[in-house]
Amino acid sequence: MSPRVRTLERVVEAALTAGVAGSGLLLVAGLVLGSTAPLWWGVLLLILTPVARVLVVTVGLILDHDWLFAGVSLFVLGVLLSSVYVSGRL
């Protein structure tokens, strides 16, 4: 496994860990404080965590000049973002 792939895997792991940890902290804060605002933000952050993962992978593929998979990853990112947009309009 090349060093670039290992670096990309570490960055993806950090993004996922930060998203889940941040979401968990917001959810716990909402429960402890009895407030709904942190709960909503925690759920939103949890929903957006996979989007952040795809974004990180897309940037990594572009930097690695892997154009085929970067294109596929951009398509997946577009589908995810359009679903977030549509769900926000409901």
PDB file of N, CA and C in Angstrom:
ATOM      1  N   MET A   1       0.848  -1.170   0.000  1.00  0.00           N
ATOM      2  CA  MET A   1       0.000   0.000   0.000  1.00  0.00           C
ATOM      3  C   MET A   1       0.898   1.238   0.000  1.00  0.00           C
ATOM      4  N   SER A   2       0.587   2.176  -0.884  1.00  0.00           N
ATOM      5  CA  SER A   2       1.441   3.354  -1.019  1.00  0.00           C
ATOM      6  C   SER A   2       1.216   4.336   0.134  1.00  0.00           C
ATOM      7  N   PRO A   3       2.195   5.192   0.375  1.00  0.00           N
ATOM      8  CA  PRO A   3       2.044   6.182   1.455  1.00  0.00           C
ATOM      9  C   PRO A   3       0.880   7.148   1.217  1.00  0.00           C
ATOM     10  N   ARG A   4       0.580   7.458  -0.053  1.00  0.00           N
ATOM     11  CA  ARG A   4      -0.544   8.364  -0.346  1.00  0.00           C
ATOM     12  C   ARG A   4      -1.872   7.728   0.052  1.00  0.00           C
ATOM     13  N   VAL A   5      -1.996   6.425  -0.201  1.00  0.00           N
ATOM     14  CA  VAL A   5      -3.233   5.726   0.160  1.00  0.00           C
ATOM     15  C   VAL A   5      -3.381   5.685   1.676  1.00  0.00           C
ATOM     16  N   ARG A   6      -2.295   5.428   2.365  1.00  0.00           N
ATOM     17  CA  ARG A   6      -2.342   5.411   3.833  1.00  0.00           C
ATOM     18  C   ARG A   6      -2.722   6.776   4.387  1.00  0.00           C
ATOM     19  N   THR A   7      -2.160   7.821   3.799  1.00  0.00           N
ATOM     20  CA  THR A   7      -2.486   9.174   4.239  1.00  0.00           C
ATOM     21  C   THR A   7      -3.956   9.472   4.002  1.00  0.00           C
ATOM     22  N   LEU A   8      -4.465   9.096   2.829  1.00  0.00           N
ATOM     23  CA  LEU A   8      -5.876   9.319   2.525  1.00  0.00           C
ATOM     24  C   LEU A   8      -6.763   8.549   3.497  1.00  0.00           C
ATOM     25  N   GLU A   9      -6.392   7.321   3.815  1.00  0.00           N
ATOM     26  CA  GLU A   9      -7.172   6.534   4.768  1.00  0.00           C
ATOM     27  C   GLU A   9      -7.176   7.184   6.154  1.00  0.00           C
ATOM     28  N   ARG A  10      -6.062   7.750   6.546  1.00  0.00           N
ATOM     29  CA  ARG A  10      -5.989   8.425   7.849  1.00  0.00           C
ATOM     30  C   ARG A  10      -6.868   9.681   7.868  1.00  0.00           C
ATOM     31  N   VAL A  11      -6.864  10.418   6.773  1.00  0.00           N
ATOM     32  CA  VAL A  11      -7.683  11.633   6.703  1.00  0.00           C
ATOM     33  C   VAL A  11      -9.166  11.262   6.720  1.00  0.00           C
ATOM     34  N   VAL A  12      -9.534  10.203   5.986  1.00  0.00           N
ATOM     35  CA  VAL A  12     -10.924   9.738   5.994  1.00  0.00           C
ATOM     36  C   VAL A  12     -11.312   9.290   7.398  1.00  0.00           C
ATOM     37  N   GLU A  13     -10.434   8.554   8.051  1.00  0.00           N
ATOM     38  CA  GLU A  13     -10.707   8.099   9.414  1.00  0.00           C
ATOM     39  C   GLU A  13     -10.886   9.282  10.363  1.00  0.00           C
ATOM     40  N   ALA A  14     -10.047  10.304  10.212  1.00  0.00           N
ATOM     41  CA  ALA A  14     -10.160  11.486  11.068  1.00  0.00           C
ATOM     42  C   ALA A  14     -11.475  12.221  10.824  1.00  0.00           C
ATOM     43  N   ALA A  15     -11.886  12.321   9.558  1.00  0.00           N
ATOM     44  CA  ALA A  15     -13.148  13.002   9.238  1.00  0.00           C
ATOM     45  C   ALA A  15     -14.333  12.248   9.824  1.00  0.00           C
ATOM     46  N   LEU A  16     -14.333  10.933   9.684  1.00  0.00           N
ATOM     47  CA  LEU A  16     -15.433  10.139  10.230  1.00  0.00           C
ATOM     48  C   LEU A  16     -15.455  10.185  11.755  1.00  0.00           C
ATOM     49  N   THR A  17     -14.285  10.090  12.356  1.00  0.00           N
ATOM     50  CA  THR A  17     -14.202  10.130  13.814  1.00  0.00           C
ATOM     51  C   THR A  17     -14.669  11.482  14.343  1.00  0.00           C
ATOM     52  N   ALA A  18     -14.243  12.563  13.698  1.00  0.00           N
ATOM     53  CA  ALA A  18     -14.650  13.896  14.136  1.00  0.00           C
ATOM     54  C   ALA A  18     -16.154  14.082  13.982  1.00  0.00           C
ATOM     55  N   GLY A  19     -16.718  13.601  12.888  1.00  0.00           N
ATOM     56  CA  GLY A  19     -18.156  13.730  12.679  1.00  0.00           C
ATOM     57  C   GLY A  19     -18.966  12.977  13.710  1.00  0.00           C
ATOM     58  N   VAL A  20     -18.584  11.748  13.973  1.00  0.00           N
ATOM     59  CA  VAL A  20     -19.322  10.938  14.948  1.00  0.00           C
ATOM     60  C   VAL A  20     -19.123  11.474  16.371  1.00  0.00           C
ATOM     61  N   ALA A  21     -17.895  11.862  16.702  1.00  0.00           N
ATOM     62  CA  ALA A  21     -17.629  12.391  18.045  1.00  0.00           C
ATOM     63  C   ALA A  21     -18.360  13.710  18.264  1.00  0.00           C
ATOM     64  N   GLY A  22     -18.309  14.597  17.280  1.00  0.00           N
ATOM     65  CA  GLY A  22     -19.010  15.870  17.402  1.00  0.00           C
ATOM     66  C   GLY A  22     -20.508  15.679  17.517  1.00  0.00           C
ATOM     67  N   SER A  23     -21.031  14.777  16.720  1.00  0.00           N
ATOM     68  CA  SER A  23     -22.460  14.481  16.777  1.00  0.00           C
ATOM     69  C   SER A  23     -22.843  13.916  18.138  1.00  0.00           C
ATOM     70  N   GLY A  24     -22.044  13.005  18.628  1.00  0.00           N
ATOM     71  CA  GLY A  24     -22.314  12.420  19.942  1.00  0.00           C
ATOM     72  C   GLY A  24     -22.296  13.456  21.049  1.00  0.00           C
ATOM     73  N   LEU A  25     -21.311  14.363  20.994  1.00  0.00           N
ATOM     74  CA  LEU A  25     -21.243  15.416  22.006  1.00  0.00           C
ATOM     75  C   LEU A  25     -22.472  16.325  21.949  1.00  0.00           C
ATOM     76  N   LEU A  26     -22.906  16.670  20.744  1.00  0.00           N
ATOM     77  CA  LEU A  26     -24.095  17.513  20.608  1.00  0.00           C
ATOM     78  C   LEU A  26     -25.349  16.798  21.104  1.00  0.00           C
ATOM     79  N   LEU A  27     -25.450  15.518  20.794  1.00  0.00           N
ATOM     80  CA  LEU A  27     -26.619  14.764  21.248  1.00  0.00           C
ATOM     81  C   LEU A  27     -26.661  14.653  22.774  1.00  0.00           C
ATOM     82  N   VAL A  28     -25.522  14.364  23.367  1.00  0.00           N
ATOM     83  CA  VAL A  28     -25.460  14.272  24.822  1.00  0.00           C
ATOM     84  C   VAL A  28     -25.743  15.636  25.454  1.00  0.00           C
ATOM     85  N   ALA A  29     -25.177  16.701  24.875  1.00  0.00           N
ATOM     86  CA  ALA A  29     -25.426  18.043  25.402  1.00  0.00           C
ATOM     87  C   ALA A  29     -26.908  18.385  25.318  1.00  0.00           C
ATOM     88  N   GLY A  30     -27.551  18.015  24.226  1.00  0.00           N
ATOM     89  CA  GLY A  30     -28.973  18.272  24.090  1.00  0.00           C
ATOM     90  C   GLY A  30     -29.793  17.522  25.119  1.00  0.00           C
ATOM     91  N   LEU A  31     -29.405  16.299  25.389  1.00  0.00           N
ATOM     92  CA  LEU A  31     -30.127  15.523  26.391  1.00  0.00           C
ATOM     93  C   LEU A  31     -29.903  16.062  27.797  1.00  0.00           C
ATOM     94  N   VAL A  32     -28.656  16.428  28.102  1.00  0.00           N
ATOM     95  CA  VAL A  32     -28.339  16.935  29.436  1.00  0.00           C
ATOM     96  C   VAL A  32     -29.003  18.289  29.675  1.00  0.00           C
ATOM     97  N   LEU A  33     -28.956  19.155  28.659  1.00  0.00           N
ATOM     98  CA  LEU A  33     -29.520  20.497  28.817  1.00  0.00           C
ATOM     99  C   LEU A  33     -31.034  20.519  28.640  1.00  0.00           C
ATOM    100  N   GLY A  34     -31.586  19.472  28.097  1.00  0.00           N
ATOM    101  CA  GLY A  34     -33.022  19.448  27.844  1.00  0.00           C
ATOM    102  C   GLY A  34     -33.429  20.371  26.721  1.00  0.00           C
ATOM    103  N   SER A  35     -32.512  20.618  25.807  1.00  0.00           N
ATOM    104  CA  SER A  35     -32.743  21.541  24.697  1.00  0.00           C
ATOM    105  C   SER A  35     -32.780  20.761  23.381  1.00  0.00           C
ATOM    106  N   THR A  36     -33.639  21.194  22.469  1.00  0.00           N
ATOM    107  CA  THR A  36     -33.747  20.485  21.198  1.00  0.00           C
ATOM    108  C   THR A  36     -32.733  20.964  20.164  1.00  0.00           C
ATOM    109  N   ALA A  37     -32.229  22.199  20.316  1.00  0.00           N
ATOM    110  CA  ALA A  37     -31.294  22.730  19.308  1.00  0.00           C
ATOM    111  C   ALA A  37     -30.036  21.861  19.167  1.00  0.00           C
ATOM    112  N   PRO A  38     -29.349  21.505  20.263  1.00  0.00           N
ATOM    113  CA  PRO A  38     -28.173  20.639  20.103  1.00  0.00           C
ATOM    114  C   PRO A  38     -28.530  19.266  19.534  1.00  0.00           C
ATOM    115  N   LEU A  39     -29.725  18.770  19.850  1.00  0.00           N
ATOM    116  CA  LEU A  39     -30.139  17.479  19.298  1.00  0.00           C
ATOM    117  C   LEU A  39     -30.265  17.559  17.782  1.00  0.00           C
ATOM    118  N   TRP A  40     -30.904  18.631  17.298  1.00  0.00           N
ATOM    119  CA  TRP A  40     -31.042  18.800  15.846  1.00  0.00           C
ATOM    120  C   TRP A  40     -29.685  18.927  15.169  1.00  0.00           C
ATOM    121  N   TRP A  41     -28.789  19.724  15.749  1.00  0.00           N
ATOM    122  CA  TRP A  41     -27.457  19.886  15.168  1.00  0.00           C
ATOM    123  C   TRP A  41     -26.667  18.576  15.209  1.00  0.00           C
ATOM    124  N   GLY A  42     -26.843  17.808  16.267  1.00  0.00           N
ATOM    125  CA  GLY A  42     -26.167  16.515  16.362  1.00  0.00           C
ATOM    126  C   GLY A  42     -26.632  15.544  15.293  1.00  0.00           C
ATOM    127  N   VAL A  43     -27.939  15.507  15.063  1.00  0.00           N
ATOM    128  CA  VAL A  43     -28.473  14.632  14.017  1.00  0.00           C
ATOM    129  C   VAL A  43     -28.018  15.112  12.643  1.00  0.00           C
ATOM    130  N   LEU A  44     -28.041  16.424  12.423  1.00  0.00           N
ATOM    131  CA  LEU A  44     -27.590  16.968  11.135  1.00  0.00           C
ATOM    132  C   LEU A  44     -26.123  16.648  10.881  1.00  0.00           C
ATOM    133  N   LEU A  45     -25.298  16.801  11.904  1.00  0.00           N
ATOM    134  CA  LEU A  45     -23.876  16.477  11.749  1.00  0.00           C
ATOM    135  C   LEU A  45     -23.682  14.994  11.453  1.00  0.00           C
ATOM    136  N   LEU A  46     -24.462  14.153  12.092  1.00  0.00           N
ATOM    137  CA  LEU A  46     -24.373  12.718  11.840  1.00  0.00           C
ATOM    138  C   LEU A  46     -24.790  12.387  10.406  1.00  0.00           C
ATOM    139  N   ILE A  47     -25.793  13.080   9.892  1.00  0.00           N
ATOM    140  CA  ILE A  47     -26.242  12.858   8.516  1.00  0.00           C
ATOM    141  C   ILE A  47     -25.184  13.348   7.523  1.00  0.00           C
ATOM    142  N   LEU A  48     -24.514  14.452   7.831  1.00  0.00           N
ATOM    143  CA  LEU A  48     -23.534  15.028   6.908  1.00  0.00           C
ATOM    144  C   LEU A  48     -22.158  14.362   6.976  1.00  0.00           C
ATOM    145  N   THR A  49     -21.937  13.499   7.959  1.00  0.00           N
ATOM    146  CA  THR A  49     -20.636  12.834   8.085  1.00  0.00           C
ATOM    147  C   THR A  49     -20.275  11.991   6.855  1.00  0.00           C
ATOM    148  N   PRO A  50     -21.192  11.184   6.288  1.00  0.00           N
ATOM    149  CA  PRO A  50     -20.825  10.458   5.068  1.00  0.00           C
ATOM    150  C   PRO A  50     -20.551  11.381   3.884  1.00  0.00           C
ATOM    151  N   VAL A  51     -21.216  12.523   3.844  1.00  0.00           N
ATOM    152  CA  VAL A  51     -20.956  13.488   2.778  1.00  0.00           C
ATOM    153  C   VAL A  51     -19.523  14.001   2.896  1.00  0.00           C
ATOM    154  N   ALA A  52     -19.092  14.269   4.120  1.00  0.00           N
ATOM    155  CA  ALA A  52     -17.713  14.714   4.349  1.00  0.00           C
ATOM    156  C   ALA A  52     -16.723  13.636   3.933  1.00  0.00           C
ATOM    157  N   ARG A  53     -17.054  12.380   4.179  1.00  0.00           N
ATOM    158  CA  ARG A  53     -16.177  11.280   3.785  1.00  0.00           C
ATOM    159  C   ARG A  53     -16.012  11.231   2.274  1.00  0.00           C
ATOM    160  N   VAL A  54     -17.126  11.343   1.551  1.00  0.00           N
ATOM    161  CA  VAL A  54     -17.060  11.313   0.088  1.00  0.00           C
ATOM    162  C   VAL A  54     -16.286  12.521  -0.423  1.00  0.00           C
ATOM    163  N   LEU A  55     -16.454  13.671   0.196  1.00  0.00           N
ATOM    164  CA  LEU A  55     -15.724  14.869  -0.211  1.00  0.00           C
ATOM    165  C   LEU A  55     -14.221  14.686  -0.018  1.00  0.00           C
ATOM    166  N   VAL A  56     -13.823  14.120   1.116  1.00  0.00           N
ATOM    167  CA  VAL A  56     -12.397  13.880   1.380  1.00  0.00           C
ATOM    168  C   VAL A  56     -11.824  12.887   0.377  1.00  0.00           C
ATOM    169  N   VAL A  57     -12.559  11.827   0.090  1.00  0.00           N
ATOM    170  CA  VAL A  57     -12.080  10.827  -0.870  1.00  0.00           C
ATOM    171  C   VAL A  57     -11.985  11.441  -2.267  1.00  0.00           C
ATOM    172  N   THR A  58     -12.955  12.270  -2.634  1.00  0.00           N
ATOM    173  CA  THR A  58     -12.926  12.912  -3.950  1.00  0.00           C
ATOM    174  C   THR A  58     -11.689  13.788  -4.098  1.00  0.00           C
ATOM    175  N   VAL A  59     -11.405  14.591  -3.091  1.00  0.00           N
ATOM    176  CA  VAL A  59     -10.210  15.443  -3.140  1.00  0.00           C
ATOM    177  C   VAL A  59      -8.952  14.584  -3.223  1.00  0.00           C
ATOM    178  N   GLY A  60      -8.898  13.507  -2.457  1.00  0.00           N
ATOM    179  CA  GLY A  60      -7.740  12.617  -2.506  1.00  0.00           C
ATOM    180  C   GLY A  60      -7.550  11.979  -3.869  1.00  0.00           C
ATOM    181  N   LEU A  61      -8.648  11.571  -4.499  1.00  0.00           N
ATOM    182  CA  LEU A  61      -8.554  10.970  -5.833  1.00  0.00           C
ATOM    183  C   LEU A  61      -8.118  11.987  -6.881  1.00  0.00           C
ATOM    184  N   ILE A  62      -8.595  13.223  -6.741  1.00  0.00           N
ATOM    185  CA  ILE A  62      -8.176  14.265  -7.682  1.00  0.00           C
ATOM    186  C   ILE A  62      -6.697  14.565  -7.506  1.00  0.00           C
ATOM    187  N   LEU A  63      -6.232  14.667  -6.267  1.00  0.00           N
ATOM    188  CA  LEU A  63      -4.810  14.911  -6.021  1.00  0.00           C
ATOM    189  C   LEU A  63      -3.941  13.757  -6.505  1.00  0.00           C
ATOM    190  N   ASP A  64      -4.510  12.540  -6.522  1.00  0.00           N
ATOM    191  CA  ASP A  64      -3.783  11.359  -6.982  1.00  0.00           C
ATOM    192  C   ASP A  64      -3.903  11.176  -8.495  1.00  0.00           C
ATOM    193  N   HIS A  65      -4.636  12.076  -9.153  1.00  0.00           N
ATOM    194  CA  HIS A  65      -4.863  12.034 -10.606  1.00  0.00           C
ATOM    195  C   HIS A  65      -5.540  10.750 -11.061  1.00  0.00           C
ATOM    196  N   ASP A  66      -6.405  10.208 -10.222  1.00  0.00           N
ATOM    197  CA  ASP A  66      -7.211   9.036 -10.574  1.00  0.00           C
ATOM    198  C   ASP A  66      -8.551   9.557 -11.086  1.00  0.00           C
ATOM    199  N   TRP A  67      -8.561   9.947 -12.355  1.00  0.00           N
ATOM    200  CA  TRP A  67      -9.685  10.699 -12.920  1.00  0.00           C
ATOM    201  C   TRP A  67     -10.964   9.874 -13.022  1.00  0.00           C
ATOM    202  N   LEU A  68     -10.863   8.596 -13.317  1.00  0.00           N
ATOM    203  CA  LEU A  68     -12.061   7.771 -13.446  1.00  0.00           C
ATOM    204  C   LEU A  68     -12.811   7.693 -12.111  1.00  0.00           C
ATOM    205  N   PHE A  69     -12.090   7.320 -11.072  1.00  0.00           N
ATOM    206  CA  PHE A  69     -12.742   7.197  -9.775  1.00  0.00           C
ATOM    207  C   PHE A  69     -13.080   8.563  -9.180  1.00  0.00           C
ATOM    208  N   ALA A  70     -12.327   9.592  -9.532  1.00  0.00           N
ATOM    209  CA  ALA A  70     -12.683  10.942  -9.089  1.00  0.00           C
ATOM    210  C   ALA A  70     -14.015  11.353  -9.709  1.00  0.00           C
ATOM    211  N   GLY A  71     -14.218  11.005 -10.984  1.00  0.00           N
ATOM    212  CA  GLY A  71     -15.502  11.295 -11.628  1.00  0.00           C
ATOM    213  C   GLY A  71     -16.646  10.537 -10.985  1.00  0.00           C
ATOM    214  N   VAL A  72     -16.429   9.279 -10.690  1.00  0.00           N
ATOM    215  CA  VAL A  72     -17.462   8.477 -10.018  1.00  0.00           C
ATOM    216  C   VAL A  72     -17.748   9.063  -8.635  1.00  0.00           C
ATOM    217  N   SER A  73     -16.708   9.445  -7.929  1.00  0.00           N
ATOM    218  CA  SER A  73     -16.868  10.020  -6.601  1.00  0.00           C
ATOM    219  C   SER A  73     -17.597  11.364  -6.665  1.00  0.00           C
ATOM    220  N   LEU A  74     -17.322  12.169  -7.695  1.00  0.00           N
ATOM    221  CA  LEU A  74     -18.056  13.424  -7.874  1.00  0.00           C
ATOM    222  C   LEU A  74     -19.532  13.172  -8.140  1.00  0.00           C
ATOM    223  N   PHE A  75     -19.823  12.131  -8.914  1.00  0.00           N
ATOM    224  CA  PHE A  75     -21.222  11.772  -9.164  1.00  0.00           C
ATOM    225  C   PHE A  75     -21.916  11.389  -7.858  1.00  0.00           C
ATOM    226  N   VAL A  76     -21.259  10.552  -7.059  1.00  0.00           N
ATOM    227  CA  VAL A  76     -21.831  10.140  -5.771  1.00  0.00           C
ATOM    228  C   VAL A  76     -22.020  11.358  -4.867  1.00  0.00           C
ATOM    229  N   LEU A  77     -21.050  12.258  -4.863  1.00  0.00           N
ATOM    230  CA  LEU A  77     -21.161  13.476  -4.062  1.00  0.00           C
ATOM    231  C   LEU A  77     -22.352  14.316  -4.527  1.00  0.00           C
ATOM    232  N   GLY A  78     -22.548  14.399  -5.839  1.00  0.00           N
ATOM    233  CA  GLY A  78     -23.700  15.128  -6.366  1.00  0.00           C
ATOM    234  C   GLY A  78     -25.018  14.512  -5.941  1.00  0.00           C
ATOM    235  N   VAL A  79     -25.100  13.193  -5.958  1.00  0.00           N
ATOM    236  CA  VAL A  79     -26.322  12.507  -5.524  1.00  0.00           C
ATOM    237  C   VAL A  79     -26.579  12.767  -4.047  1.00  0.00           C
ATOM    238  N   LEU A  80     -25.536  12.674  -3.233  1.00  0.00           N
ATOM    239  CA  LEU A  80     -25.693  12.922  -1.794  1.00  0.00           C
ATOM    240  C   LEU A  80     -26.127  14.359  -1.514  1.00  0.00           C
ATOM    241  N   LEU A  81     -25.481  15.318  -2.179  1.00  0.00           N
ATOM    242  CA  LEU A  81     -25.829  16.716  -1.943  1.00  0.00           C
ATOM    243  C   LEU A  81     -27.222  17.047  -2.452  1.00  0.00           C
ATOM    244  N   SER A  82     -27.617  16.459  -3.565  1.00  0.00           N
ATOM    245  CA  SER A  82     -28.972  16.714  -4.060  1.00  0.00           C
ATOM    246  C   SER A  82     -30.012  16.109  -3.124  1.00  0.00           C
ATOM    247  N   SER A  83     -29.708  14.973  -2.524  1.00  0.00           N
ATOM    248  CA  SER A  83     -30.662  14.393  -1.575  1.00  0.00           C
ATOM    249  C   SER A  83     -30.760  15.230  -0.307  1.00  0.00           C
ATOM    250  N   VAL A  84     -29.639  15.814   0.132  1.00  0.00           N
ATOM    251  CA  VAL A  84     -29.681  16.710   1.294  1.00  0.00           C
ATOM    252  C   VAL A  84     -30.500  17.946   0.954  1.00  0.00           C
ATOM    253  N   TYR A  85     -30.317  18.476  -0.244  1.00  0.00           N
ATOM    254  CA  TYR A  85     -31.076  19.658  -0.677  1.00  0.00           C
ATOM    255  C   TYR A  85     -32.563  19.362  -0.736  1.00  0.00           C
ATOM    256  N   VAL A  86     -32.922  18.233  -1.353  1.00  0.00           N
ATOM    257  CA  VAL A  86     -34.334  17.870  -1.495  1.00  0.00           C
ATOM    258  C   VAL A  86     -34.958  17.618  -0.127  1.00  0.00           C
ATOM    259  N   SER A  87     -34.244  16.943   0.758  1.00  0.00           N
ATOM    260  CA  SER A  87     -34.808  16.667   2.082  1.00  0.00           C
ATOM    261  C   SER A  87     -34.996  17.948   2.884  1.00  0.00           C
ATOM    262  N   GLY A  88     -34.146  18.935   2.644  1.00  0.00           N
ATOM    263  CA  GLY A  88     -34.287  20.214   3.325  1.00  0.00           C
ATOM    264  C   GLY A  88     -35.478  21.012   2.824  1.00  0.00           C
ATOM    265  N   ARG A  89     -35.925  20.727   1.614  1.00  0.00           N
ATOM    266  CA  ARG A  89     -37.064  21.450   1.041  1.00  0.00           C
ATOM    267  C   ARG A  89     -38.392  20.823   1.394  1.00  0.00           C
ATOM    268  N   LEU A  90     -38.383  19.638   2.008  1.00  0.00           N
ATOM    269  CA  LEU A  90     -39.642  18.964   2.350  1.00  0.00           C
ATOM    270  C   LEU A  90     -40.261  19.492   3.599  1.00  0.00           C
TER     271      LEU A  90
END
